[in-house]
Amino acid sequence: MIYDYERKNFEVEETLILENKSFKKYRFEFESFIKTPYPETNKVIGYFFNPSKKASNKILLFLHGMGDRNLSPLTWFPQKFAEEGIPSYLLILPYHFERTPPGTKSGKKFLIDDMNDTIKDFQQAVIDLRISMDYLERRYNFADFSIMGFSFGGMIGTITMAVDGRIKSGIFVVTGGNYLYITWKSLATRMLRKKYEVQSNYNVYGCTEKKCIEVHKNYPEYISNLKTVMDLDKISYIRGCYLFDPLTFAHFIKRRKVILYNAIFDEIIPRDAANALWTEMGKPERHWLFADHLTSVFYRRLIFHRALKLVLEDK
């Protein structure tokens, strides 16, 4: 299964970068198990917020969205969890922020790669998080993980939760599934659609909307044939995007605790994509925010308090 990896020992460089009365903030750095041509991306970087007084031995994993402007406002969440006594860990996703290759824009590579490279990009993001969990488990004795992801982070979070049973609960904000909707209806994928207009090689660059619709006629059958995540790359599939679409993985977390937040005026995650993911997850608790994609963060206190309650709930 493409999101599996060989367990092995690895060294982590921990640096204390902030200490206050509520928590200590550490910067983690270690070598990714997935190698790319870019030294910056090969370094996994994460931030661990360790509370002075723990309310629980559970830990929250936090994933930011795509782009170069959302890290600062979203870092509020792991800090706030730590202030409430919940340890938290923020992973910098591949090709973002400190892991961005020189001369490129944070997150852009996920939108410009061909299919095989995109599969590897998602594989690296998921495995980087899973090996971070290994270290947190070994070094700090955490065994009960929750996950919170915004937008693109929610997509990575859904996949990771599906393939790693250590994650007991999830909170996903302004995210969705089914690339048929996201590719052709989202403002975020305009660059991708423009590339498809000038690069017509379907096998390398993707597809036209007409071909995408045709490909996705087989998609529900593919999902229904997946009895376990180990079937992911064993069952025949028409298109590689099936392997990193969060909709493929959603039904594997039906029996775990999940909360979704979607935005009524979201211009990035189409409503069809939001509804598809919610339905495939088994229609868990969901809340609609009177916001668009970016202004959803204005509801951060409301989201945080519900998320905190979920994390603290018994299994």
Protein backbone atom coordinates (compact mmCIF):
# COMPACT_ATOMS: atom_id res chain seq x y z
CA MET A 1 0.00 0.00 0.00
CA ILE A 2 1.53 3.29 -1.08
CA TYR A 3 1.06 4.97 2.31
CA ASP A 4 2.88 2.21 4.17
CA TYR A 5 6.56 2.47 5.07
CA GLU A 6 9.29 0.45 6.70
CA ARG A 7 9.62 1.21 10.41
CA LYS A 8 13.20 2.11 11.27
CA ASN A 9 15.16 4.19 13.74
CA PHE A 10 15.77 7.82 12.86
CA GLU A 11 17.25 10.83 14.60
CA VAL A 12 15.22 13.93 15.41
CA GLU A 13 16.76 17.30 16.16
CA GLU A 14 14.68 18.98 18.84
CA THR A 15 15.15 22.70 19.47
CA LEU A 16 13.34 24.64 22.17
CA ILE A 17 12.21 27.88 20.51
CA LEU A 18 9.64 29.25 22.96
CA GLU A 19 8.82 28.81 26.62
CA ASN A 20 6.06 30.47 28.62
CA LYS A 21 3.94 29.59 31.63
CA SER A 22 1.55 27.47 29.53
CA PHE A 23 3.78 25.42 27.25
CA LYS A 24 7.14 24.80 25.65
CA LYS A 25 7.36 24.98 21.87
CA TYR A 26 9.91 22.76 20.12
CA ARG A 27 11.00 22.65 16.52
CA PHE A 28 11.51 19.10 15.22
CA GLU A 29 13.64 18.35 12.17
CA PHE A 30 14.47 14.97 10.67
CA GLU A 31 14.98 13.27 7.32
CA SER A 32 11.89 12.31 5.33
CA PHE A 33 11.62 8.64 4.40
CA ILE A 34 10.51 9.79 0.93
CA LYS A 35 13.29 11.40 -1.08
CA THR A 36 12.81 14.19 -3.60
CA PRO A 37 15.28 16.19 -5.72
CA TYR A 38 14.90 19.09 -3.25
CA PRO A 39 16.97 19.16 -0.02
CA GLU A 40 14.50 21.58 1.61
CA THR A 41 11.59 19.19 1.10
CA ASN A 42 13.61 16.20 2.30
CA LYS A 43 13.75 17.76 5.77
CA VAL A 44 10.61 17.08 7.78
CA ILE A 45 9.81 20.07 10.00
CA GLY A 46 7.22 20.07 12.75
CA TYR A 47 6.38 22.12 15.83
CA PHE A 48 5.54 20.41 19.10
CA PHE A 49 3.63 22.32 21.79
CA ASN A 50 4.15 20.59 25.13
CA PRO A 51 1.90 21.89 27.94
CA SER A 52 3.27 22.67 31.37
CA LYS A 53 0.28 20.88 32.90
CA LYS A 54 -1.32 18.14 30.83
CA ALA A 55 -5.07 17.70 30.95
CA SER A 56 -4.72 14.44 29.07
CA ASN A 57 -2.12 12.15 27.58
CA LYS A 58 -3.83 12.51 24.22
CA ILE A 59 -2.18 14.58 21.51
CA LEU A 60 -3.63 16.63 18.65
CA LEU A 61 -2.01 16.54 15.21
CA PHE A 62 -2.58 19.72 13.21
CA LEU A 63 -2.33 20.24 9.44
CA HIS A 64 -2.40 23.62 7.72
CA GLY A 65 -3.85 24.39 4.28
CA MET A 66 -2.20 24.95 0.93
CA GLY A 67 -0.51 28.22 0.06
CA ASP A 68 1.73 30.75 1.73
CA ARG A 69 -0.55 32.88 3.92
CA ASN A 70 -2.37 30.62 6.33
CA LEU A 71 0.29 29.37 8.75
CA SER A 72 0.28 32.31 11.16
CA PRO A 73 -3.51 32.45 11.85
CA LEU A 74 -3.79 28.66 12.00
CA THR A 75 -0.90 28.24 14.44
CA TRP A 76 -3.32 29.74 16.96
CA PHE A 77 -5.02 26.32 17.20
CA PRO A 78 -2.11 24.13 18.39
CA GLN A 79 -1.03 26.93 20.76
CA LYS A 80 -4.54 27.15 22.17
CA PHE A 81 -4.75 23.40 22.67
CA ALA A 82 -1.46 23.50 24.56
CA GLU A 83 -2.76 26.31 26.77
CA GLU A 84 -5.69 24.04 27.64
CA GLY A 85 -3.33 21.19 28.56
CA ILE A 86 -3.51 19.19 25.32
CA PRO A 87 -0.15 18.49 23.62
CA SER A 88 -0.22 19.33 19.91
CA TYR A 89 1.98 18.88 16.88
CA LEU A 90 1.93 21.00 13.74
CA LEU A 91 3.52 19.42 10.67
CA ILE A 92 4.85 21.61 7.87
CA LEU A 93 3.63 19.83 4.76
CA PRO A 94 6.02 19.03 1.89
CA TYR A 95 6.69 21.95 -0.48
CA HIS A 96 5.27 24.46 2.00
CA PHE A 97 6.87 27.29 4.00
CA GLU A 98 10.30 26.17 5.26
CA ARG A 99 10.13 23.11 3.02
CA THR A 100 9.63 25.06 -0.21
CA PRO A 101 12.35 24.65 -2.87
CA PRO A 102 14.05 27.95 -3.82
CA GLY A 103 12.36 29.81 -6.64
CA THR A 104 8.94 28.29 -6.10
CA LYS A 105 5.87 29.38 -4.17
CA SER A 106 4.69 27.62 -1.03
CA GLY A 107 2.34 24.78 -1.96
CA LYS A 108 2.39 25.43 -5.70
CA LYS A 109 4.08 22.15 -6.61
CA PHE A 110 0.97 20.17 -5.66
CA LEU A 111 -0.86 21.99 -8.47
CA ILE A 112 1.72 21.72 -11.25
CA ASP A 113 3.00 18.14 -11.06
CA ASP A 114 2.05 15.35 -13.41
CA MET A 115 0.09 12.41 -12.00
CA ASN A 116 2.97 10.22 -10.82
CA ASP A 117 4.71 13.10 -9.05
CA THR A 118 1.45 14.17 -7.40
CA ILE A 119 0.95 10.65 -6.06
CA LYS A 120 4.45 10.83 -4.55
CA ASP A 121 3.71 14.30 -3.08
CA PHE A 122 0.68 12.97 -1.21
CA GLN A 123 2.54 9.84 -0.21
CA GLN A 124 5.30 11.95 1.34
CA ALA A 125 2.84 14.16 3.25
CA VAL A 126 1.05 11.18 4.79
CA ILE A 127 4.22 9.22 5.62
CA ASP A 128 5.91 12.31 7.10
CA LEU A 129 2.99 12.60 9.50
CA ARG A 130 2.96 8.91 10.33
CA ILE A 131 6.66 8.82 11.18
CA SER A 132 6.16 11.98 13.26
CA MET A 133 3.59 9.96 15.19
CA ASP A 134 6.12 7.17 15.63
CA TYR A 135 8.55 9.59 17.22
CA LEU A 136 5.94 11.22 19.46
CA GLU A 137 4.85 7.76 20.55
CA ARG A 138 8.40 6.63 21.30
CA ARG A 139 9.76 9.83 22.82
CA TYR A 140 6.72 11.07 24.76
CA ASN A 141 4.61 7.92 25.17
CA PHE A 142 1.59 9.23 23.28
CA ALA A 143 -0.66 6.46 22.03
CA ASP A 144 -3.98 8.24 21.44
CA PHE A 145 -3.97 10.70 18.56
CA SER A 146 -6.58 13.11 17.23
CA ILE A 147 -6.18 15.11 14.04
CA MET A 148 -7.33 18.52 12.87
CA GLY A 149 -6.92 19.78 9.33
CA PHE A 150 -7.93 22.89 7.43
CA SER A 151 -8.69 22.75 3.71
CA PHE A 152 -5.84 20.86 2.00
CA GLY A 153 -4.71 19.78 5.48
CA GLY A 154 -8.13 18.19 5.90
CA MET A 155 -7.56 16.14 2.77
CA ILE A 156 -4.19 14.88 3.99
CA GLY A 157 -5.72 14.34 7.42
CA THR A 158 -8.58 12.23 6.06
CA ILE A 159 -6.14 9.97 4.19
CA THR A 160 -3.85 9.63 7.21
CA MET A 161 -6.70 8.87 9.59
CA ALA A 162 -7.91 6.16 7.22
CA VAL A 163 -4.55 4.41 6.91
CA ASP A 164 -3.42 4.80 10.54
CA GLY A 165 -5.66 3.38 13.23
CA ARG A 166 -3.85 5.27 15.98
CA ILE A 167 -5.87 8.38 15.08
CA LYS A 168 -9.10 8.06 17.06
CA SER A 169 -10.92 11.26 16.09
CA GLY A 170 -10.79 13.99 13.47
CA ILE A 171 -11.89 17.59 13.00
CA PHE A 172 -11.85 18.74 9.39
CA VAL A 173 -12.56 22.35 8.41
CA VAL A 174 -13.47 23.67 4.93
CA THR A 175 -12.40 20.51 3.13
CA GLY A 176 -13.97 18.10 0.70
CA GLY A 177 -13.47 15.18 -1.66
CA ASN A 178 -13.91 14.06 -5.26
CA TYR A 179 -11.53 15.82 -7.63
CA LEU A 180 -14.19 15.84 -10.33
CA TYR A 181 -15.73 18.73 -8.41
CA ILE A 182 -12.59 20.29 -6.95
CA THR A 183 -10.62 20.36 -10.21
CA TRP A 184 -13.35 21.85 -12.37
CA LYS A 185 -15.28 24.09 -9.97
CA SER A 186 -12.79 25.48 -7.45
CA LEU A 187 -11.09 28.86 -7.77
CA ALA A 188 -7.94 27.26 -6.34
CA THR A 189 -7.49 25.01 -9.38
CA ARG A 190 -7.71 27.68 -12.08
CA MET A 191 -3.98 27.23 -12.73
CA LEU A 192 -4.52 23.51 -13.22
CA ARG A 193 -7.40 24.02 -15.64
CA LYS A 194 -5.35 26.56 -17.59
CA LYS A 195 -2.52 24.01 -17.93
CA TYR A 196 -4.97 21.44 -19.24
CA GLU A 197 -6.04 23.92 -21.93
CA VAL A 198 -2.50 24.29 -23.29
CA GLN A 199 -1.20 20.79 -22.51
CA SER A 200 -3.48 18.23 -24.06
CA ASN A 201 -1.46 15.10 -23.25
CA TYR A 202 -4.05 13.31 -21.13
CA ASN A 203 -1.72 10.63 -19.79
CA VAL A 204 0.81 13.14 -18.45
CA TYR A 205 -1.03 16.30 -17.52
CA GLY A 206 -4.46 15.22 -16.45
CA CYS A 207 -7.67 15.49 -18.40
CA THR A 208 -10.33 17.64 -19.93
CA GLU A 209 -13.56 18.08 -18.01
CA LYS A 210 -15.30 15.72 -20.42
CA LYS A 211 -12.68 13.00 -19.87
CA CYS A 212 -12.75 13.58 -16.10
CA ILE A 213 -16.50 12.98 -16.04
CA GLU A 214 -16.00 9.80 -18.03
CA VAL A 215 -13.22 8.56 -15.72
CA HIS A 216 -15.30 9.18 -12.61
CA LYS A 217 -18.14 6.97 -13.81
CA ASN A 218 -15.98 4.10 -12.54
CA TYR A 219 -15.03 5.83 -9.29
CA PRO A 220 -17.95 4.70 -7.05
CA GLU A 221 -17.31 1.09 -8.10
CA TYR A 222 -13.62 1.42 -7.24
CA ILE A 223 -14.45 2.80 -3.77
CA SER A 224 -17.00 0.06 -3.09
CA ASN A 225 -14.41 -2.61 -3.96
CA LEU A 226 -11.98 -1.34 -1.33
CA LYS A 227 -12.60 -3.58 1.66
CA THR A 228 -9.44 -2.47 3.49
CA VAL A 229 -6.87 0.24 2.85
CA MET A 230 -4.45 -2.52 1.81
CA ASP A 231 -6.56 -2.92 -1.35
CA LEU A 232 -5.79 0.63 -2.42
CA ASP A 233 -3.26 -0.08 -5.14
CA LYS A 234 -4.23 -3.73 -5.69
CA ILE A 235 -7.67 -3.14 -7.16
CA SER A 236 -7.66 -1.92 -10.75
CA TYR A 237 -8.23 1.81 -11.13
CA ILE A 238 -8.64 3.96 -14.22
CA ARG A 239 -6.91 7.10 -12.99
CA GLY A 240 -4.13 7.75 -10.48
CA CYS A 241 -6.06 10.56 -8.78
CA TYR A 242 -8.15 7.85 -7.10
CA LEU A 243 -5.08 7.10 -4.96
CA PHE A 244 -4.97 10.55 -3.33
CA ASP A 245 -8.58 11.66 -3.38
CA PRO A 246 -9.83 11.89 0.24
CA LEU A 247 -13.17 10.52 -0.94
CA THR A 248 -11.45 7.18 -1.60
CA PHE A 249 -10.58 6.93 2.11
CA ALA A 250 -13.60 8.48 3.80
CA HIS A 251 -15.58 5.29 4.41
CA PHE A 252 -12.69 3.77 6.37
CA ILE A 253 -13.24 6.26 9.21
CA LYS A 254 -17.02 5.89 9.52
CA ARG A 255 -16.76 4.23 12.92
CA ARG A 256 -14.50 6.87 14.40
CA LYS A 257 -15.45 10.27 15.81
CA VAL A 258 -15.43 12.98 13.15
CA ILE A 259 -16.66 16.57 13.03
CA LEU A 260 -16.81 18.62 9.84
CA TYR A 261 -17.07 22.38 9.38
CA ASN A 262 -17.97 23.75 5.96
CA ALA A 263 -18.43 27.33 4.76
CA ILE A 264 -21.65 28.42 3.07
CA PHE A 265 -19.85 30.72 0.61
CA ASP A 266 -16.75 28.58 0.07
CA GLU A 267 -15.22 29.43 -3.31
CA ILE A 268 -12.37 26.92 -2.92
CA ILE A 269 -14.20 23.75 -1.84
CA PRO A 270 -17.39 23.39 -3.92
CA ARG A 271 -20.49 22.34 -2.02
CA ASP A 272 -20.69 19.13 -4.05
CA ALA A 273 -17.18 18.22 -2.83
CA ALA A 274 -18.06 19.03 0.79
CA ASN A 275 -21.26 16.99 0.62
CA ALA A 276 -19.55 14.04 -1.07
CA LEU A 277 -16.96 13.73 1.70
CA TRP A 278 -19.54 14.11 4.46
CA THR A 279 -21.77 11.44 2.90
CA GLU A 280 -18.93 8.95 2.37
CA MET A 281 -17.82 9.47 5.99
CA GLY A 282 -21.26 8.28 7.07
CA LYS A 283 -22.78 11.75 7.61
CA PRO A 284 -21.02 12.62 10.89
CA GLU A 285 -21.66 15.77 12.89
CA ARG A 286 -21.36 18.79 10.60
CA HIS A 287 -21.68 22.55 11.02
CA TRP A 288 -22.09 25.23 8.36
CA LEU A 289 -20.23 28.51 8.87
CA PHE A 290 -21.60 31.79 7.51
CA ALA A 291 -18.29 32.48 5.79
CA ASP A 292 -16.20 31.89 2.70
CA HIS A 293 -13.06 29.75 2.63
CA LEU A 294 -10.67 32.28 4.14
CA THR A 295 -13.05 33.98 6.58
CA SER A 296 -13.93 30.62 8.14
CA VAL A 297 -10.97 31.26 10.46
CA PHE A 298 -13.02 34.04 12.09
CA TYR A 299 -14.97 31.22 13.76
CA ARG A 300 -11.83 29.77 15.26
CA ARG A 301 -13.02 30.02 18.88
CA LEU A 302 -16.27 28.23 18.11
CA ILE A 303 -14.38 25.53 16.18
CA PHE A 304 -11.75 25.22 18.89
CA HIS A 305 -14.16 24.69 21.77
CA ARG A 306 -16.03 21.92 19.93
CA ALA A 307 -12.73 20.34 18.86
CA LEU A 308 -11.39 20.47 22.44
CA LYS A 309 -14.49 18.68 23.72
CA LEU A 310 -14.06 15.98 21.07
CA VAL A 311 -10.39 15.42 21.89
CA LEU A 312 -11.14 15.11 25.59
CA GLU A 313 -14.01 12.67 25.11
CA ASP A 314 -13.44 9.10 26.12
CA LYS A 315 -12.94 6.55 23.36
